[in-house]
């Protein structure tokens, strides 16, 4: 069976989502680190409200697969959560039609 290791980005609710995934898949978190736990080595400025957000979480979901995620910092969350125009998946046919315009 193939392994899958998806990495998800959340706008501030990664912990809530992963508590749900833990109930669904079982197991324990391999990592659960908040931005406040990272220290100041990188010189990245993190707002007080972002310090409690999830910097990285990982949960084994079986067959060697691991589900991972983090919360986007407030400065980056708005573009992540903005609705996409069009809303439908791209297909080769749609891309070709768009190029012809």
N, C-alpha and C. Protein backbone atom coordinates (compact mmCIF):
# COMPACT_ATOMS: atom_id res chain seq x y z
N UNK A 1 0.85 -1.17 0.00
CA UNK A 1 0.00 0.00 0.00
C UNK A 1 0.90 1.24 0.00
N UNK A 2 0.61 2.23 -0.85
CA UNK A 2 1.42 3.44 -0.89
C UNK A 2 1.26 4.26 0.39
N UNK A 3 2.31 4.98 0.72
CA UNK A 3 2.26 5.88 1.87
C UNK A 3 1.90 7.28 1.38
N UNK A 4 1.23 8.03 2.24
CA UNK A 4 0.89 9.40 1.91
C UNK A 4 1.20 10.25 3.14
N UNK A 5 1.83 11.40 2.92
CA UNK A 5 2.19 12.29 4.01
C UNK A 5 1.75 13.71 3.68
N UNK A 6 0.43 13.98 3.71
CA UNK A 6 -0.05 15.31 3.36
C UNK A 6 0.32 16.34 4.42
N UNK A 7 0.55 17.57 3.96
CA UNK A 7 0.84 18.70 4.86
C UNK A 7 -0.24 19.74 4.62
N UNK A 8 -1.03 20.00 5.66
CA UNK A 8 -2.16 20.92 5.57
C UNK A 8 -1.83 22.25 6.23
N UNK A 9 -2.37 23.33 5.71
CA UNK A 9 -2.24 24.66 6.30
C UNK A 9 -3.60 25.13 6.77
N UNK A 10 -3.65 25.62 7.98
CA UNK A 10 -4.89 26.10 8.56
C UNK A 10 -4.78 27.58 8.90
N UNK A 11 -5.91 28.22 9.03
CA UNK A 11 -5.95 29.64 9.34
C UNK A 11 -6.11 29.91 10.83
N UNK A 12 -5.73 28.98 11.66
CA UNK A 12 -5.82 29.18 13.11
C UNK A 12 -6.52 28.06 13.85
N UNK A 13 -7.01 27.06 13.14
CA UNK A 13 -7.74 25.98 13.82
C UNK A 13 -7.09 24.61 13.61
N UNK A 14 -5.78 24.58 13.43
CA UNK A 14 -5.09 23.30 13.25
C UNK A 14 -5.24 22.40 14.46
N UNK A 15 -5.16 22.97 15.65
CA UNK A 15 -5.28 22.15 16.86
C UNK A 15 -6.66 21.50 16.94
N UNK A 16 -7.69 22.27 16.68
CA UNK A 16 -9.06 21.74 16.70
C UNK A 16 -9.22 20.62 15.67
N UNK A 17 -8.72 20.86 14.47
CA UNK A 17 -8.82 19.86 13.40
C UNK A 17 -8.07 18.59 13.78
N UNK A 18 -6.87 18.73 14.34
CA UNK A 18 -6.08 17.55 14.66
C UNK A 18 -6.59 16.79 15.88
N UNK A 19 -7.27 17.46 16.77
CA UNK A 19 -7.93 16.73 17.86
C UNK A 19 -9.03 15.85 17.28
N UNK A 20 -9.73 16.37 16.26
CA UNK A 20 -10.75 15.56 15.57
C UNK A 20 -10.09 14.39 14.84
N UNK A 21 -9.00 14.65 14.09
CA UNK A 21 -8.32 13.58 13.36
C UNK A 21 -7.79 12.51 14.32
N UNK A 22 -7.35 12.93 15.49
CA UNK A 22 -6.86 11.98 16.49
C UNK A 22 -7.99 11.05 16.94
N UNK A 23 -9.20 11.60 17.09
CA UNK A 23 -10.35 10.76 17.45
C UNK A 23 -10.69 9.79 16.31
N UNK A 24 -10.58 10.27 15.08
CA UNK A 24 -10.93 9.44 13.93
C UNK A 24 -9.90 8.34 13.70
N UNK A 25 -8.61 8.70 13.66
CA UNK A 25 -7.55 7.76 13.32
C UNK A 25 -6.94 7.06 14.53
N UNK A 26 -7.12 7.63 15.73
CA UNK A 26 -6.47 7.09 16.91
C UNK A 26 -5.00 7.49 16.93
N UNK A 27 -4.27 6.92 17.84
CA UNK A 27 -2.84 7.21 17.94
C UNK A 27 -2.54 8.46 18.74
N UNK A 28 -1.27 8.80 18.73
CA UNK A 28 -0.78 9.96 19.48
C UNK A 28 0.00 10.87 18.55
N UNK A 29 0.04 12.16 18.88
CA UNK A 29 0.83 13.10 18.10
C UNK A 29 2.31 12.79 18.26
N UNK A 30 3.02 12.75 17.15
CA UNK A 30 4.47 12.61 17.20
C UNK A 30 5.07 13.95 17.58
N UNK A 31 4.51 15.01 17.02
CA UNK A 31 4.96 16.38 17.29
C UNK A 31 3.75 17.27 17.44
N UNK A 32 3.79 18.16 18.41
CA UNK A 32 2.82 19.24 18.53
C UNK A 32 3.60 20.43 19.09
N UNK A 33 3.98 21.34 18.20
CA UNK A 33 4.82 22.47 18.58
C UNK A 33 4.10 23.77 18.23
N UNK A 34 4.10 24.69 19.17
CA UNK A 34 3.52 26.01 18.95
C UNK A 34 4.62 26.99 18.54
N UNK A 35 4.21 28.10 17.95
CA UNK A 35 5.19 29.10 17.54
C UNK A 35 6.00 29.61 18.74
N UNK A 36 5.37 29.69 19.92
CA UNK A 36 6.08 30.17 21.11
C UNK A 36 7.19 29.20 21.53
N UNK A 37 7.11 27.94 21.09
CA UNK A 37 8.10 26.93 21.43
C UNK A 37 9.32 26.96 20.52
N UNK A 38 9.27 27.76 19.46
CA UNK A 38 10.34 27.74 18.46
C UNK A 38 11.55 28.57 18.86
N UNK A 39 11.41 29.46 19.79
CA UNK A 39 12.52 30.33 20.17
C UNK A 39 12.65 31.48 19.18
N UNK A 40 13.73 32.21 19.29
CA UNK A 40 13.92 33.42 18.49
C UNK A 40 15.10 33.28 17.54
N UNK A 41 15.51 32.06 17.22
CA UNK A 41 16.71 31.85 16.41
C UNK A 41 16.59 32.38 14.99
N UNK A 42 15.41 32.28 14.40
CA UNK A 42 15.26 32.68 13.01
C UNK A 42 15.04 34.16 12.81
N UNK A 43 14.82 34.91 13.89
CA UNK A 43 14.57 36.33 13.77
C UNK A 43 13.21 36.67 13.20
N UNK A 44 12.34 35.67 13.07
CA UNK A 44 11.00 35.90 12.53
C UNK A 44 10.14 36.52 13.62
N UNK A 45 9.47 37.62 13.29
CA UNK A 45 8.59 38.29 14.24
C UNK A 45 7.23 37.60 14.23
N UNK A 46 6.79 37.17 15.40
CA UNK A 46 5.50 36.50 15.53
C UNK A 46 4.67 37.31 16.52
N UNK A 47 3.45 37.66 16.12
CA UNK A 47 2.57 38.45 16.99
C UNK A 47 2.17 37.63 18.21
N UNK A 48 1.76 38.33 19.25
CA UNK A 48 1.34 37.64 20.49
C UNK A 48 0.19 36.68 20.22
N UNK A 49 -0.75 37.07 19.34
CA UNK A 49 -1.90 36.19 19.06
C UNK A 49 -1.47 34.95 18.30
N UNK A 50 -0.37 35.02 17.56
CA UNK A 50 0.10 33.87 16.79
C UNK A 50 0.97 32.92 17.61
N UNK A 51 1.47 33.36 18.75
CA UNK A 51 2.38 32.53 19.54
C UNK A 51 1.75 31.21 19.97
N UNK A 52 0.43 31.19 20.16
CA UNK A 52 -0.23 29.96 20.62
C UNK A 52 -0.68 29.07 19.46
N UNK A 53 -0.53 29.58 18.23
CA UNK A 53 -0.92 28.77 17.07
C UNK A 53 0.08 27.63 16.85
N UNK A 54 -0.36 26.64 16.08
CA UNK A 54 0.44 25.44 15.84
C UNK A 54 1.49 25.71 14.75
N UNK A 55 2.75 25.54 15.11
CA UNK A 55 3.84 25.67 14.15
C UNK A 55 4.02 24.37 13.38
N UNK A 56 3.82 23.24 14.05
CA UNK A 56 3.91 21.94 13.39
C UNK A 56 3.22 20.90 14.25
N UNK A 57 2.43 20.06 13.60
CA UNK A 57 1.81 18.92 14.27
C UNK A 57 1.88 17.73 13.32
N UNK A 58 2.12 16.56 13.85
CA UNK A 58 2.14 15.36 13.02
C UNK A 58 1.45 14.22 13.76
N UNK A 59 0.66 13.46 12.99
CA UNK A 59 -0.12 12.36 13.54
C UNK A 59 -0.04 11.17 12.60
N UNK A 60 0.55 10.05 13.04
CA UNK A 60 0.54 8.84 12.21
C UNK A 60 -0.89 8.37 11.99
N UNK A 61 -1.21 8.03 10.74
CA UNK A 61 -2.59 7.61 10.43
C UNK A 61 -2.65 6.19 9.88
N UNK A 62 -1.58 5.44 10.05
CA UNK A 62 -1.59 4.04 9.64
C UNK A 62 -0.79 3.79 8.38
N UNK A 63 -0.33 2.55 8.23
CA UNK A 63 0.44 2.11 7.05
C UNK A 63 1.66 2.99 6.77
N UNK A 64 2.24 3.57 7.81
CA UNK A 64 3.43 4.40 7.63
C UNK A 64 3.13 5.80 7.14
N UNK A 65 1.87 6.16 6.98
CA UNK A 65 1.49 7.50 6.54
C UNK A 65 1.37 8.43 7.74
N UNK A 66 1.71 9.69 7.51
CA UNK A 66 1.66 10.70 8.57
C UNK A 66 0.92 11.92 8.05
N UNK A 67 -0.04 12.40 8.83
CA UNK A 67 -0.77 13.62 8.52
C UNK A 67 -0.10 14.75 9.29
N UNK A 68 0.27 15.84 8.57
CA UNK A 68 0.99 16.95 9.20
C UNK A 68 0.31 18.26 8.86
N UNK A 69 0.55 19.28 9.70
CA UNK A 69 -0.07 20.58 9.45
C UNK A 69 0.60 21.67 10.26
N UNK A 70 0.19 22.90 9.94
CA UNK A 70 0.54 24.07 10.73
C UNK A 70 -0.52 25.13 10.51
N UNK A 71 -0.55 26.09 11.43
CA UNK A 71 -1.41 27.26 11.27
C UNK A 71 -0.62 28.32 10.52
N UNK A 72 -1.29 29.03 9.65
CA UNK A 72 -0.66 30.17 8.99
C UNK A 72 -0.63 31.33 9.98
N UNK A 73 0.44 32.08 9.96
CA UNK A 73 0.50 33.29 10.78
C UNK A 73 -0.53 34.29 10.27
N UNK A 74 -0.99 35.16 11.14
CA UNK A 74 -2.03 36.13 10.77
C UNK A 74 -1.68 36.92 9.52
N UNK A 75 -0.41 37.27 9.36
CA UNK A 75 0.01 38.05 8.20
C UNK A 75 -0.21 37.29 6.90
N UNK A 76 -0.26 35.96 6.96
CA UNK A 76 -0.40 35.15 5.76
C UNK A 76 -1.76 34.46 5.65
N UNK A 77 -2.54 34.46 6.71
CA UNK A 77 -3.79 33.70 6.73
C UNK A 77 -4.85 34.28 5.80
N UNK A 78 -4.93 35.61 5.68
CA UNK A 78 -5.98 36.21 4.83
C UNK A 78 -5.90 35.71 3.39
N UNK A 79 -4.72 35.72 2.74
CA UNK A 79 -4.67 35.18 1.38
C UNK A 79 -4.99 33.68 1.32
N UNK A 80 -4.63 32.93 2.35
CA UNK A 80 -4.93 31.50 2.36
C UNK A 80 -6.42 31.24 2.42
N UNK A 81 -7.14 32.07 3.18
CA UNK A 81 -8.55 31.82 3.43
C UNK A 81 -9.47 32.56 2.46
N UNK A 82 -8.90 33.40 1.59
CA UNK A 82 -9.73 34.14 0.65
C UNK A 82 -10.37 33.19 -0.34
N UNK A 83 -11.64 33.42 -0.68
CA UNK A 83 -12.29 32.55 -1.66
C UNK A 83 -11.64 32.69 -3.03
N UNK A 84 -11.55 31.59 -3.72
CA UNK A 84 -10.96 31.59 -5.05
C UNK A 84 -12.03 31.94 -6.07
N UNK A 85 -11.64 32.71 -7.06
CA UNK A 85 -12.59 33.00 -8.14
C UNK A 85 -12.68 31.80 -9.05
N UNK A 86 -13.83 31.54 -9.55
CA UNK A 86 -14.04 30.39 -10.43
C UNK A 86 -14.45 29.17 -9.65
N UNK A 87 -13.65 28.78 -8.70
CA UNK A 87 -13.99 27.71 -7.80
C UNK A 87 -14.05 26.32 -8.38
N UNK A 88 -13.72 26.14 -9.66
CA UNK A 88 -13.77 24.79 -10.22
C UNK A 88 -12.37 24.34 -10.58
N UNK A 89 -12.12 23.06 -10.51
CA UNK A 89 -10.78 22.57 -10.78
C UNK A 89 -10.35 22.80 -12.23
N UNK A 90 -9.07 22.97 -12.39
CA UNK A 90 -8.52 23.15 -13.73
C UNK A 90 -8.40 21.79 -14.42
N UNK A 91 -8.74 21.76 -15.68
CA UNK A 91 -8.60 20.55 -16.48
C UNK A 91 -7.81 20.92 -17.73
N UNK A 92 -7.21 19.96 -18.41
CA UNK A 92 -6.49 20.29 -19.64
C UNK A 92 -7.36 21.02 -20.65
N UNK A 93 -8.62 20.63 -20.73
CA UNK A 93 -9.52 21.28 -21.68
C UNK A 93 -9.76 22.75 -21.32
N UNK A 94 -9.96 23.02 -20.04
CA UNK A 94 -10.20 24.40 -19.60
C UNK A 94 -8.96 25.25 -19.80
N UNK A 95 -7.78 24.69 -19.53
CA UNK A 95 -6.54 25.45 -19.73
C UNK A 95 -6.36 25.78 -21.21
N UNK A 96 -6.66 24.82 -22.09
CA UNK A 96 -6.54 25.05 -23.54
C UNK A 96 -7.51 26.13 -23.99
N UNK A 97 -8.74 26.09 -23.47
CA UNK A 97 -9.74 27.11 -23.84
C UNK A 97 -9.30 28.47 -23.35
N UNK A 98 -8.71 28.54 -22.18
CA UNK A 98 -8.23 29.81 -21.62
C UNK A 98 -7.09 30.37 -22.46
N UNK A 99 -6.20 29.50 -22.93
CA UNK A 99 -5.07 29.96 -23.76
C UNK A 99 -5.55 30.52 -25.09
N UNK A 100 -6.66 29.98 -25.61
CA UNK A 100 -7.19 30.45 -26.91
C UNK A 100 -7.85 31.81 -26.81
N UNK A 101 -8.21 32.24 -25.62
CA UNK A 101 -8.90 33.54 -25.46
C UNK A 101 -7.99 34.69 -25.76
